[in-house]
Amino acid sequence: MAISEERRGSAVILHLEGDFGEPEPAFDDVLQRAIKDDSADVIVDLLPAASFRAVRTLSRAEKLRRDLGGRRRFAVVADTDSDTGIMLALAGFSKIAPVFASVEDAMQSWETDGMPI
């Protein structure tokens, strides 16, 4: 799996590509670091190759965000028709954190909430 980071305004976007078969401590480390950075909102862009391990890692990250006071926003991007999107829906992930179809949709949602990106 490859992880790339992109900064757009106040958001850090983590793009995941490749197979998420085995546990990925690198993903967990990068995600936790991004969550702990109180100056950035976090968007995780899951390309179609995530697994339930990814969902578990994302759930832990959202819990960490809340434990740290939840001042910054957290969202996940997944195509709802992809295996990843279906897996997130089955896991009920949208009850934990918002899931959007694109990075742009997530950022637009935050702008309409009255909080600048």
PDB file of N, CA and C in Angstrom:
ATOM      1  N   MET A   1       0.841  -1.172   0.000  1.00  0.00           N
ATOM      2  CA  MET A   1       0.000   0.000   0.000  1.00  0.00           C
ATOM      3  C   MET A   1       0.887   1.237   0.000  1.00  0.00           C
ATOM      4  N   ALA A   2       0.466   2.233  -0.749  1.00  0.00           N
ATOM      5  CA  ALA A   2       1.166   3.513  -0.793  1.00  0.00           C
ATOM      6  C   ALA A   2       0.278   4.575  -0.155  1.00  0.00           C
ATOM      7  N   ILE A   3       0.891   5.461   0.609  1.00  0.00           N
ATOM      8  CA  ILE A   3       0.177   6.551   1.259  1.00  0.00           C
ATOM      9  C   ILE A   3       0.831   7.849   0.812  1.00  0.00           C
ATOM     10  N   SER A   4       0.031   8.748   0.262  1.00  0.00           N
ATOM     11  CA  SER A   4       0.562  10.064  -0.073  1.00  0.00           C
ATOM     12  C   SER A   4      -0.255  11.105   0.676  1.00  0.00           C
ATOM     13  N   GLU A   5       0.391  12.220   0.980  1.00  0.00           N
ATOM     14  CA  GLU A   5      -0.256  13.298   1.716  1.00  0.00           C
ATOM     15  C   GLU A   5      -0.343  14.530   0.830  1.00  0.00           C
ATOM     16  N   GLU A   6      -1.459  15.219   0.944  1.00  0.00           N
ATOM     17  CA  GLU A   6      -1.674  16.451   0.196  1.00  0.00           C
ATOM     18  C   GLU A   6      -2.271  17.464   1.162  1.00  0.00           C
ATOM     19  N   ARG A   7      -1.874  18.698   1.060  1.00  0.00           N
ATOM     20  CA  ARG A   7      -2.406  19.768   1.913  1.00  0.00           C
ATOM     21  C   ARG A   7      -3.248  20.683   1.043  1.00  0.00           C
ATOM     22  N   ARG A   8      -4.508  20.911   1.448  1.00  0.00           N
ATOM     23  CA  ARG A   8      -5.394  21.871   0.790  1.00  0.00           C
ATOM     24  C   ARG A   8      -6.005  22.741   1.873  1.00  0.00           C
ATOM     25  N   GLY A   9      -5.577  23.968   1.941  1.00  0.00           N
ATOM     26  CA  GLY A   9      -6.065  24.851   2.997  1.00  0.00           C
ATOM     27  C   GLY A   9      -5.741  24.265   4.350  1.00  0.00           C
ATOM     28  N   SER A  10      -6.760  24.113   5.189  1.00  0.00           N
ATOM     29  CA  SER A  10      -6.532  23.564   6.526  1.00  0.00           C
ATOM     30  C   SER A  10      -6.678  22.040   6.562  1.00  0.00           C
ATOM     31  N   ALA A  11      -6.843  21.421   5.398  1.00  0.00           N
ATOM     32  CA  ALA A  11      -7.060  19.967   5.363  1.00  0.00           C
ATOM     33  C   ALA A  11      -5.801  19.218   4.915  1.00  0.00           C
ATOM     34  N   VAL A  12      -5.547  18.116   5.586  1.00  0.00           N
ATOM     35  CA  VAL A  12      -4.550  17.149   5.139  1.00  0.00           C
ATOM     36  C   VAL A  12      -5.327  15.999   4.530  1.00  0.00           C
ATOM     37  N   ILE A  13      -4.997  15.667   3.296  1.00  0.00           N
ATOM     38  CA  ILE A  13      -5.676  14.580   2.603  1.00  0.00           C
ATOM     39  C   ILE A  13      -4.701  13.434   2.472  1.00  0.00           C
ATOM     40  N   LEU A  14      -5.073  12.289   3.023  1.00  0.00           N
ATOM     41  CA  LEU A  14      -4.259  11.083   2.925  1.00  0.00           C
ATOM     42  C   LEU A  14      -4.856  10.212   1.831  1.00  0.00           C
ATOM     43  N   HIS A  15      -4.096  10.003   0.773  1.00  0.00           N
ATOM     44  CA  HIS A  15      -4.539   9.170  -0.339  1.00  0.00           C
ATOM     45  C   HIS A  15      -3.936   7.778  -0.154  1.00  0.00           C
ATOM     46  N   LEU A  16      -4.770   6.755  -0.115  1.00  0.00           N
ATOM     47  CA  LEU A  16      -4.296   5.379   0.017  1.00  0.00           C
ATOM     48  C   LEU A  16      -4.479   4.673  -1.307  1.00  0.00           C
ATOM     49  N   GLU A  17      -3.441   3.981  -1.732  1.00  0.00           N
ATOM     50  CA  GLU A  17      -3.518   3.216  -2.967  1.00  0.00           C
ATOM     51  C   GLU A  17      -2.930   1.834  -2.728  1.00  0.00           C
ATOM     52  N   GLY A  18      -3.463   0.860  -3.438  1.00  0.00           N
ATOM     53  CA  GLY A  18      -2.922  -0.490  -3.356  1.00  0.00           C
ATOM     54  C   GLY A  18      -3.732  -1.379  -2.442  1.00  0.00           C
ATOM     55  N   ASP A  19      -3.167  -2.517  -2.100  1.00  0.00           N
ATOM     56  CA  ASP A  19      -3.842  -3.536  -1.309  1.00  0.00           C
ATOM     57  C   ASP A  19      -3.647  -3.285   0.173  1.00  0.00           C
ATOM     58  N   PHE A  20      -4.710  -3.372   0.916  1.00  0.00           N
ATOM     59  CA  PHE A  20      -4.654  -3.202   2.365  1.00  0.00           C
ATOM     60  C   PHE A  20      -4.849  -4.564   3.008  1.00  0.00           C
ATOM     61  N   GLY A  21      -4.070  -5.534   2.593  1.00  0.00           N
ATOM     62  CA  GLY A  21      -4.235  -6.894   3.071  1.00  0.00           C
ATOM     63  C   GLY A  21      -3.744  -7.099   4.486  1.00  0.00           C
ATOM     64  N   GLU A  22      -2.479  -6.919   4.712  1.00  0.00           N
ATOM     65  CA  GLU A  22      -1.894  -7.112   6.035  1.00  0.00           C
ATOM     66  C   GLU A  22      -2.036  -5.825   6.841  1.00  0.00           C
ATOM     67  N   PRO A  23      -1.974  -5.943   8.164  1.00  0.00           N
ATOM     68  CA  PRO A  23      -2.025  -4.727   8.979  1.00  0.00           C
ATOM     69  C   PRO A  23      -0.925  -3.763   8.540  1.00  0.00           C
ATOM     70  N   GLU A  24      -1.258  -2.523   8.461  1.00  0.00           N
ATOM     71  CA  GLU A  24      -0.334  -1.508   7.983  1.00  0.00           C
ATOM     72  C   GLU A  24      -0.013  -0.519   9.100  1.00  0.00           C
ATOM     73  N   PRO A  25       1.049  -0.788   9.856  1.00  0.00           N
ATOM     74  CA  PRO A  25       1.389   0.169  10.912  1.00  0.00           C
ATOM     75  C   PRO A  25       1.718   1.540  10.351  1.00  0.00           C
ATOM     76  N   ALA A  26       2.232   1.602   9.125  1.00  0.00           N
ATOM     77  CA  ALA A  26       2.559   2.901   8.529  1.00  0.00           C
ATOM     78  C   ALA A  26       1.299   3.741   8.373  1.00  0.00           C
ATOM     79  N   PHE A  27       0.203   3.140   7.926  1.00  0.00           N
ATOM     80  CA  PHE A  27      -1.055   3.874   7.774  1.00  0.00           C
ATOM     81  C   PHE A  27      -1.537   4.356   9.133  1.00  0.00           C
ATOM     82  N   ASP A  28      -1.507   3.487  10.122  1.00  0.00           N
ATOM     83  CA  ASP A  28      -1.930   3.857  11.466  1.00  0.00           C
ATOM     84  C   ASP A  28      -1.084   5.021  11.989  1.00  0.00           C
ATOM     85  N   ASP A  29       0.228   4.960  11.793  1.00  0.00           N
ATOM     86  CA  ASP A  29       1.123   6.016  12.262  1.00  0.00           C
ATOM     87  C   ASP A  29       0.843   7.346  11.560  1.00  0.00           C
ATOM     88  N   VAL A  30       0.718   7.302  10.238  1.00  0.00           N
ATOM     89  CA  VAL A  30       0.466   8.529   9.467  1.00  0.00           C
ATOM     90  C   VAL A  30      -0.878   9.129   9.859  1.00  0.00           C
ATOM     91  N   LEU A  31      -1.895   8.286  10.005  1.00  0.00           N
ATOM     92  CA  LEU A  31      -3.222   8.765  10.356  1.00  0.00           C
ATOM     93  C   LEU A  31      -3.244   9.357  11.764  1.00  0.00           C
ATOM     94  N   GLN A  32      -2.616   8.693  12.714  1.00  0.00           N
ATOM     95  CA  GLN A  32      -2.580   9.223  14.079  1.00  0.00           C
ATOM     96  C   GLN A  32      -1.833  10.553  14.136  1.00  0.00           C
ATOM     97  N   ARG A  33      -0.734  10.649  13.399  1.00  0.00           N
ATOM     98  CA  ARG A  33       0.022  11.904  13.367  1.00  0.00           C
ATOM     99  C   ARG A  33      -0.854  13.033  12.804  1.00  0.00           C
ATOM    100  N   ALA A  34      -1.592  12.732  11.734  1.00  0.00           N
ATOM    101  CA  ALA A  34      -2.468  13.742  11.131  1.00  0.00           C
ATOM    102  C   ALA A  34      -3.578  14.154  12.096  1.00  0.00           C
ATOM    103  N   ILE A  35      -4.157  13.191  12.807  1.00  0.00           N
ATOM    104  CA  ILE A  35      -5.221  13.485  13.770  1.00  0.00           C
ATOM    105  C   ILE A  35      -4.676  14.331  14.922  1.00  0.00           C
ATOM    106  N   LYS A  36      -3.478  14.020  15.386  1.00  0.00           N
ATOM    107  CA  LYS A  36      -2.889  14.748  16.514  1.00  0.00           C
ATOM    108  C   LYS A  36      -2.455  16.160  16.133  1.00  0.00           C
ATOM    109  N   ASP A  37      -2.278  16.425  14.828  1.00  0.00           N
ATOM    110  CA  ASP A  37      -1.921  17.761  14.353  1.00  0.00           C
ATOM    111  C   ASP A  37      -3.155  18.642  14.463  1.00  0.00           C
ATOM    112  N   ASP A  38      -3.225  19.412  15.520  1.00  0.00           N
ATOM    113  CA  ASP A  38      -4.427  20.186  15.803  1.00  0.00           C
ATOM    114  C   ASP A  38      -4.659  21.314  14.813  1.00  0.00           C
ATOM    115  N   SER A  39      -3.738  21.491  13.863  1.00  0.00           N
ATOM    116  CA  SER A  39      -3.907  22.572  12.894  1.00  0.00           C
ATOM    117  C   SER A  39      -4.538  22.077  11.595  1.00  0.00           C
ATOM    118  N   ALA A  40      -4.893  20.798  11.527  1.00  0.00           N
ATOM    119  CA  ALA A  40      -5.373  20.258  10.246  1.00  0.00           C
ATOM    120  C   ALA A  40      -6.633  19.418  10.411  1.00  0.00           C
ATOM    121  N   ASP A  41      -7.563  19.616   9.470  1.00  0.00           N
ATOM    122  CA  ASP A  41      -8.675  18.688   9.308  1.00  0.00           C
ATOM    123  C   ASP A  41      -8.111  17.512   8.511  1.00  0.00           C
ATOM    124  N   VAL A  42      -8.714  16.338   8.642  1.00  0.00           N
ATOM    125  CA  VAL A  42      -8.170  15.151   7.986  1.00  0.00           C
ATOM    126  C   VAL A  42      -9.227  14.514   7.092  1.00  0.00           C
ATOM    127  N   ILE A  43      -8.834  14.262   5.847  1.00  0.00           N
ATOM    128  CA  ILE A  43      -9.658  13.520   4.911  1.00  0.00           C
ATOM    129  C   ILE A  43      -8.854  12.304   4.479  1.00  0.00           C
ATOM    130  N   VAL A  44      -9.433  11.119   4.602  1.00  0.00           N
ATOM    131  CA  VAL A  44      -8.773   9.897   4.148  1.00  0.00           C
ATOM    132  C   VAL A  44      -9.456   9.462   2.859  1.00  0.00           C
ATOM    133  N   ASP A  45      -8.695   9.449   1.785  1.00  0.00           N
ATOM    134  CA  ASP A  45      -9.192   9.068   0.464  1.00  0.00           C
ATOM    135  C   ASP A  45      -8.876   7.599   0.247  1.00  0.00           C
ATOM    136  N   LEU A  46      -9.887   6.756   0.463  1.00  0.00           N
ATOM    137  CA  LEU A  46      -9.702   5.311   0.304  1.00  0.00           C
ATOM    138  C   LEU A  46      -9.977   4.939  -1.146  1.00  0.00           C
ATOM    139  N   LEU A  47      -8.953   4.621  -1.870  1.00  0.00           N
ATOM    140  CA  LEU A  47      -9.175   4.123  -3.224  1.00  0.00           C
ATOM    141  C   LEU A  47      -9.685   2.697  -3.078  1.00  0.00           C
ATOM    142  N   PRO A  48     -10.228   2.079  -4.110  1.00  0.00           N
ATOM    143  CA  PRO A  48     -11.045   0.874  -3.948  1.00  0.00           C
ATOM    144  C   PRO A  48     -10.409  -0.375  -3.324  1.00  0.00           C
ATOM    145  N   ALA A  49      -9.309  -0.276  -2.642  1.00  0.00           N
ATOM    146  CA  ALA A  49      -8.675  -1.499  -2.154  1.00  0.00           C
ATOM    147  C   ALA A  49      -8.510  -1.520  -0.643  1.00  0.00           C
ATOM    148  N   ALA A  50      -9.509  -1.113   0.098  1.00  0.00           N
ATOM    149  CA  ALA A  50      -9.408  -1.140   1.552  1.00  0.00           C
ATOM    150  C   ALA A  50     -10.026  -2.428   2.089  1.00  0.00           C
ATOM    151  N   SER A  51      -9.797  -2.684   3.367  1.00  0.00           N
ATOM    152  CA  SER A  51     -10.319  -3.889   4.002  1.00  0.00           C
ATOM    153  C   SER A  51     -10.937  -3.508   5.343  1.00  0.00           C
ATOM    154  N   PHE A  52     -11.435  -4.503   6.047  1.00  0.00           N
ATOM    155  CA  PHE A  52     -11.972  -4.233   7.377  1.00  0.00           C
ATOM    156  C   PHE A  52     -10.876  -3.758   8.321  1.00  0.00           C
ATOM    157  N   ARG A  53      -9.624  -4.102   8.048  1.00  0.00           N
ATOM    158  CA  ARG A  53      -8.530  -3.555   8.854  1.00  0.00           C
ATOM    159  C   ARG A  53      -8.483  -2.034   8.713  1.00  0.00           C
ATOM    160  N   ALA A  54      -8.728  -1.546   7.495  1.00  0.00           N
ATOM    161  CA  ALA A  54      -8.756  -0.099   7.276  1.00  0.00           C
ATOM    162  C   ALA A  54      -9.885   0.532   8.072  1.00  0.00           C
ATOM    163  N   VAL A  55     -11.043  -0.102   8.089  1.00  0.00           N
ATOM    164  CA  VAL A  55     -12.184   0.412   8.854  1.00  0.00           C
ATOM    165  C   VAL A  55     -11.826   0.469  10.335  1.00  0.00           C
ATOM    166  N   ARG A  56     -11.189  -0.554  10.838  1.00  0.00           N
ATOM    167  CA  ARG A  56     -10.781  -0.572  12.250  1.00  0.00           C
ATOM    168  C   ARG A  56      -9.799   0.571  12.534  1.00  0.00           C
ATOM    169  N   THR A  57      -8.841   0.776  11.638  1.00  0.00           N
ATOM    170  CA  THR A  57      -7.864   1.854  11.806  1.00  0.00           C
ATOM    171  C   THR A  57      -8.560   3.213  11.765  1.00  0.00           C
ATOM    172  N   LEU A  58      -9.497   3.387  10.842  1.00  0.00           N
ATOM    173  CA  LEU A  58     -10.237   4.642  10.744  1.00  0.00           C
ATOM    174  C   LEU A  58     -11.087   4.878  11.995  1.00  0.00           C
ATOM    175  N   SER A  59     -11.691   3.827  12.518  1.00  0.00           N
ATOM    176  CA  SER A  59     -12.495   3.944  13.736  1.00  0.00           C
ATOM    177  C   SER A  59     -11.636   4.368  14.915  1.00  0.00           C
ATOM    178  N   ARG A  60     -10.449   3.779  15.027  1.00  0.00           N
ATOM    179  CA  ARG A  60      -9.533   4.164  16.112  1.00  0.00           C
ATOM    180  C   ARG A  60      -9.120   5.626  15.965  1.00  0.00           C
ATOM    181  N   ALA A  61      -8.904   6.066  14.730  1.00  0.00           N
ATOM    182  CA  ALA A  61      -8.505   7.458  14.490  1.00  0.00           C
ATOM    183  C   ALA A  61      -9.616   8.416  14.907  1.00  0.00           C
ATOM    184  N   GLU A  62     -10.854   8.083  14.588  1.00  0.00           N
ATOM    185  CA  GLU A  62     -11.967   8.951  14.989  1.00  0.00           C
ATOM    186  C   GLU A  62     -12.099   8.984  16.502  1.00  0.00           C
ATOM    187  N   LYS A  63     -11.899   7.851  17.157  1.00  0.00           N
ATOM    188  CA  LYS A  63     -11.933   7.833  18.623  1.00  0.00           C
ATOM    189  C   LYS A  63     -10.825   8.715  19.194  1.00  0.00           C
ATOM    190  N   LEU A  64      -9.622   8.626  18.625  1.00  0.00           N
ATOM    191  CA  LEU A  64      -8.511   9.467  19.068  1.00  0.00           C
ATOM    192  C   LEU A  64      -8.866  10.942  18.886  1.00  0.00           C
ATOM    193  N   ARG A  65      -9.462  11.282  17.749  1.00  0.00           N
ATOM    194  CA  ARG A  65      -9.858  12.669  17.486  1.00  0.00           C
ATOM    195  C   ARG A  65     -10.819  13.164  18.564  1.00  0.00           C
ATOM    196  N   ARG A  66     -11.805  12.350  18.890  1.00  0.00           N
ATOM    197  CA  ARG A  66     -12.765  12.739  19.940  1.00  0.00           C
ATOM    198  C   ARG A  66     -12.078  12.844  21.295  1.00  0.00           C
ATOM    199  N   ASP A  67     -11.189  11.892  21.605  1.00  0.00           N
ATOM    200  CA  ASP A  67     -10.472  11.915  22.880  1.00  0.00           C
ATOM    201  C   ASP A  67      -9.605  13.166  23.024  1.00  0.00           C
ATOM    202  N   LEU A  68      -9.129  13.690  21.882  1.00  0.00           N
ATOM    203  CA  LEU A  68      -8.299  14.889  21.897  1.00  0.00           C
ATOM    204  C   LEU A  68      -9.137  16.172  21.884  1.00  0.00           C
ATOM    205  N   GLY A  69     -10.428  16.042  21.974  1.00  0.00           N
ATOM    206  CA  GLY A  69     -11.298  17.205  22.036  1.00  0.00           C
ATOM    207  C   GLY A  69     -12.107  17.435  20.779  1.00  0.00           C
ATOM    208  N   GLY A  70     -11.795  16.736  19.698  1.00  0.00           N
ATOM    209  CA  GLY A  70     -12.585  16.807  18.478  1.00  0.00           C
ATOM    210  C   GLY A  70     -12.698  18.177  17.847  1.00  0.00           C
ATOM    211  N   ARG A  71     -11.660  19.003  17.993  1.00  0.00           N
ATOM    212  CA  ARG A  71     -11.722  20.355  17.441  1.00  0.00           C
ATOM    213  C   ARG A  71     -11.597  20.382  15.919  1.00  0.00           C
ATOM    214  N   ARG A  72     -10.923  19.427  15.344  1.00  0.00           N
ATOM    215  CA  ARG A  72     -10.734  19.387  13.889  1.00  0.00           C
ATOM    216  C   ARG A  72     -11.689  18.360  13.290  1.00  0.00           C
ATOM    217  N   ARG A  73     -11.919  18.486  11.980  1.00  0.00           N
ATOM    218  CA  ARG A  73     -12.864  17.599  11.296  1.00  0.00           C
ATOM    219  C   ARG A  73     -12.141  16.386  10.715  1.00  0.00           C
ATOM    220  N   PHE A  74     -12.913  15.312  10.524  1.00  0.00           N
ATOM    221  CA  PHE A  74     -12.388  14.058   9.997  1.00  0.00           C
ATOM    222  C   PHE A  74     -13.428  13.493   9.049  1.00  0.00           C
ATOM    223  N   ALA A  75     -12.997  13.075   7.877  1.00  0.00           N
ATOM    224  CA  ALA A  75     -13.922  12.494   6.905  1.00  0.00           C
ATOM    225  C   ALA A  75     -13.207  11.422   6.098  1.00  0.00           C
ATOM    226  N   VAL A  76     -13.997  10.565   5.485  1.00  0.00           N
ATOM    227  CA  VAL A  76     -13.480   9.489   4.646  1.00  0.00           C
ATOM    228  C   VAL A  76     -14.107   9.625   3.265  1.00  0.00           C
ATOM    229  N   VAL A  77     -13.309   9.343   2.239  1.00  0.00           N
ATOM    230  CA  VAL A  77     -13.788   9.379   0.861  1.00  0.00           C
ATOM    231  C   VAL A  77     -13.747   7.971   0.304  1.00  0.00           C
ATOM    232  N   ALA A  78     -14.881   7.530  -0.230  1.00  0.00           N
ATOM    233  CA  ALA A  78     -14.961   6.217  -0.874  1.00  0.00           C
ATOM    234  C   ALA A  78     -16.111   6.234  -1.862  1.00  0.00           C
ATOM    235  N   ASP A  79     -15.892   5.650  -3.006  1.00  0.00           N
ATOM    236  CA  ASP A  79     -16.946   5.500  -3.996  1.00  0.00           C
ATOM    237  C   ASP A  79     -17.999   4.552  -3.416  1.00  0.00           C
ATOM    238  N   THR A  80     -19.222   5.027  -3.274  1.00  0.00           N
ATOM    239  CA  THR A  80     -20.254   4.220  -2.615  1.00  0.00           C
ATOM    240  C   THR A  80     -20.584   2.942  -3.382  1.00  0.00           C
ATOM    241  N   ASP A  81     -20.283   2.901  -4.681  1.00  0.00           N
ATOM    242  CA  ASP A  81     -20.545   1.697  -5.469  1.00  0.00           C
ATOM    243  C   ASP A  81     -19.369   0.728  -5.490  1.00  0.00           C
ATOM    244  N   SER A  82     -18.236   1.130  -4.931  1.00  0.00           N
ATOM    245  CA  SER A  82     -17.067   0.256  -4.912  1.00  0.00           C
ATOM    246  C   SER A  82     -17.169  -0.735  -3.755  1.00  0.00           C
ATOM    247  N   ASP A  83     -16.328  -1.747  -3.778  1.00  0.00           N
ATOM    248  CA  ASP A  83     -16.283  -2.700  -2.662  1.00  0.00           C
ATOM    249  C   ASP A  83     -15.984  -1.980  -1.353  1.00  0.00           C
ATOM    250  N   THR A  84     -15.106  -0.989  -1.412  1.00  0.00           N
ATOM    251  CA  THR A  84     -14.759  -0.227  -0.212  1.00  0.00           C
ATOM    252  C   THR A  84     -15.976   0.523   0.323  1.00  0.00           C
ATOM    253  N   GLY A  85     -16.715   1.188  -0.568  1.00  0.00           N
ATOM    254  CA  GLY A  85     -17.903   1.921  -0.145  1.00  0.00           C
ATOM    255  C   GLY A  85     -18.959   1.010   0.444  1.00  0.00           C
ATOM    256  N   ILE A  86     -19.143  -0.142  -0.176  1.00  0.00           N
ATOM    257  CA  ILE A  86     -20.119  -1.117   0.333  1.00  0.00           C
ATOM    258  C   ILE A  86     -19.680  -1.644   1.697  1.00  0.00           C
ATOM    259  N   MET A  87     -18.380  -1.918   1.847  1.00  0.00           N
ATOM    260  CA  MET A  87     -17.848  -2.400   3.117  1.00  0.00           C
ATOM    261  C   MET A  87     -18.061  -1.361   4.217  1.00  0.00           C
ATOM    262  N   LEU A  88     -17.799  -0.080   3.912  1.00  0.00           N
ATOM    263  CA  LEU A  88     -18.021   0.974   4.904  1.00  0.00           C
ATOM    264  C   LEU A  88     -19.501   1.056   5.294  1.00  0.00           C
ATOM    265  N   ALA A  89     -20.378   0.913   4.303  1.00  0.00           N
ATOM    266  CA  ALA A  89     -21.815   0.949   4.588  1.00  0.00           C
ATOM    267  C   ALA A  89     -22.224  -0.225   5.473  1.00  0.00           C
ATOM    268  N   LEU A  90     -21.738  -1.428   5.152  1.00  0.00           N
ATOM    269  CA  LEU A  90     -22.068  -2.610   5.950  1.00  0.00           C
ATOM    270  C   LEU A  90     -21.551  -2.491   7.380  1.00  0.00           C
ATOM    271  N   ALA A  91     -20.394  -1.852   7.520  1.00  0.00           N
ATOM    272  CA  ALA A  91     -19.802  -1.679   8.849  1.00  0.00           C
ATOM    273  C   ALA A  91     -20.463  -0.540   9.626  1.00  0.00           C
ATOM    274  N   GLY A  92     -21.352   0.207   8.966  1.00  0.00           N
ATOM    275  CA  GLY A  92     -21.998   1.322   9.634  1.00  0.00           C
ATOM    276  C   GLY A  92     -21.060   2.477   9.911  1.00  0.00           C
ATOM    277  N   PHE A  93     -20.029   2.606   9.089  1.00  0.00           N
ATOM    278  CA  PHE A  93     -18.992   3.600   9.375  1.00  0.00           C
ATOM    279  C   PHE A  93     -19.521   5.032   9.359  1.00  0.00           C
ATOM    280  N   SER A  94     -20.538   5.305   8.560  1.00  0.00           N
ATOM    281  CA  SER A  94     -21.048   6.682   8.484  1.00  0.00           C
ATOM    282  C   SER A  94     -21.651   7.144   9.808  1.00  0.00           C
ATOM    283  N   LYS A  95     -21.893   6.225  10.744  1.00  0.00           N
ATOM    284  CA  LYS A  95     -22.341   6.605  12.085  1.00  0.00           C
ATOM    285  C   LYS A  95     -21.163   7.089  12.923  1.00  0.00           C
ATOM    286  N   ILE A  96     -19.943   6.742  12.483  1.00  0.00           N
ATOM    287  CA  ILE A  96     -18.724   7.119  13.202  1.00  0.00           C
ATOM    288  C   ILE A  96     -18.158   8.420  12.654  1.00  0.00           C
ATOM    289  N   ALA A  97     -18.077   8.514  11.332  1.00  0.00           N
ATOM    290  CA  ALA A  97     -17.530   9.697  10.664  1.00  0.00           C
ATOM    291  C   ALA A  97     -18.190   9.819   9.296  1.00  0.00           C
ATOM    292  N   PRO A  98     -18.271  11.032   8.764  1.00  0.00           N
ATOM    293  CA  PRO A  98     -18.911  11.194   7.461  1.00  0.00           C
ATOM    294  C   PRO A  98     -18.108  10.539   6.338  1.00  0.00           C
ATOM    295  N   VAL A  99     -18.842   9.987   5.373  1.00  0.00           N
ATOM    296  CA  VAL A  99     -18.238   9.361   4.199  1.00  0.00           C
ATOM    297  C   VAL A  99     -18.740  10.124   2.979  1.00  0.00           C
ATOM    298  N   PHE A 100     -17.815  10.558   2.139  1.00  0.00           N
ATOM    299  CA  PHE A 100     -18.154  11.336   0.954  1.00  0.00           C
ATOM    300  C   PHE A 100     -17.692  10.604  -0.296  1.00  0.00           C
ATOM    301  N   ALA A 101     -18.271  10.983  -1.430  1.00  0.00           N
ATOM    302  CA  ALA A 101     -17.915  10.365  -2.705  1.00  0.00           C
ATOM    303  C   ALA A 101     -16.607  10.916  -3.265  1.00  0.00           C
ATOM    304  N   SER A 102     -16.222  12.128  -2.852  1.00  0.00           N
ATOM    305  CA  SER A 102     -14.983  12.722  -3.356  1.00  0.00           C
ATOM    306  C   SER A 102     -14.404  13.670  -2.309  1.00  0.00           C
ATOM    307  N   VAL A 103     -13.129  13.963  -2.463  1.00  0.00           N
ATOM    308  CA  VAL A 103     -12.472  14.939  -1.593  1.00  0.00           C
ATOM    309  C   VAL A 103     -13.181  16.283  -1.723  1.00  0.00           C
ATOM    310  N   GLU A 104     -13.524  16.642  -2.949  1.00  0.00           N
ATOM    311  CA  GLU A 104     -14.193  17.914  -3.186  1.00  0.00           C
ATOM    312  C   GLU A 104     -15.539  17.980  -2.452  1.00  0.00           C
ATOM    313  N   ASP A 105     -16.280  16.861  -2.447  1.00  0.00           N
ATOM    314  CA  ASP A 105     -17.556  16.823  -1.726  1.00  0.00           C
ATOM    315  C   ASP A 105     -17.347  17.049  -0.225  1.00  0.00           C
ATOM    316  N   ALA A 106     -16.319  16.433   0.330  1.00  0.00           N
ATOM    317  CA  ALA A 106     -16.027  16.611   1.762  1.00  0.00           C
ATOM    318  C   ALA A 106     -15.696  18.067   2.051  1.00  0.00           C
ATOM    319  N   MET A 107     -14.835  18.649   1.243  1.00  0.00           N
ATOM    320  CA  MET A 107     -14.432  20.036   1.473  1.00  0.00           C
ATOM    321  C   MET A 107     -15.609  20.990   1.273  1.00  0.00           C
ATOM    322  N   GLN A 108     -16.433  20.724   0.274  1.00  0.00           N
ATOM    323  CA  GLN A 108     -17.616  21.554   0.031  1.00  0.00           C
ATOM    324  C   GLN A 108     -18.583  21.476   1.211  1.00  0.00           C
ATOM    325  N   SER A 109     -18.750  20.291   1.764  1.00  0.00           N
ATOM    326  CA  SER A 109     -19.623  20.120   2.920  1.00  0.00           C
ATOM    327  C   SER A 109     -19.126  20.957   4.089  1.00  0.00           C
ATOM    328  N   TRP A 110     -17.834  20.969   4.307  1.00  0.00           N
ATOM    329  CA  TRP A 110     -17.275  21.744   5.402  1.00  0.00           C
ATOM    330  C   TRP A 110     -17.452  23.233   5.153  1.00  0.00           C
ATOM    331  N   GLU A 111     -17.326  23.660   3.905  1.00  0.00           N
ATOM    332  CA  GLU A 111     -17.514  25.077   3.606  1.00  0.00           C
ATOM    333  C   GLU A 111     -18.954  25.503   3.866  1.00  0.00           C
ATOM    334  N   THR A 112     -19.911  24.638   3.536  1.00  0.00           N
ATOM    335  CA  THR A 112     -21.314  24.983   3.746  1.00  0.00           C
ATOM    336  C   THR A 112     -21.694  24.924   5.228  1.00  0.00           C
ATOM    337  N   ASP A 113     -20.868  24.252   6.035  1.00  0.00           N
ATOM    338  CA  ASP A 113     -21.092  24.238   7.480  1.00  0.00           C
ATOM    339  C   ASP A 113     -20.623  25.541   8.130  1.00  0.00           C
ATOM    340  N   GLY A 114     -20.076  26.440   7.312  1.00  0.00           N
ATOM    341  CA  GLY A 114     -19.635  27.720   7.833  1.00  0.00           C
ATOM    342  C   GLY A 114     -18.225  27.704   8.395  1.00  0.00           C
ATOM    343  N   MET A 115     -17.525  26.604   8.223  1.00  0.00           N
ATOM    344  CA  MET A 115     -16.146  26.524   8.687  1.00  0.00           C
ATOM    345  C   MET A 115     -15.228  26.514   7.478  1.00  0.00           C
ATOM    346  N   PRO A 116     -14.377  27.509   7.348  1.00  0.00           N
ATOM    347  CA  PRO A 116     -13.498  27.547   6.175  1.00  0.00           C
ATOM    348  C   PRO A 116     -12.537  26.381   6.143  1.00  0.00           C
ATOM    349  N   ILE A 117     -12.140  26.026   4.943  1.00  0.00           N
ATOM    350  CA  ILE A 117     -11.185  24.931   4.759  1.00  0.00           C
ATOM    351  C   ILE A 117      -9.794  25.489   4.886  1.00  0.00           C
TER     352      ILE A 117
END
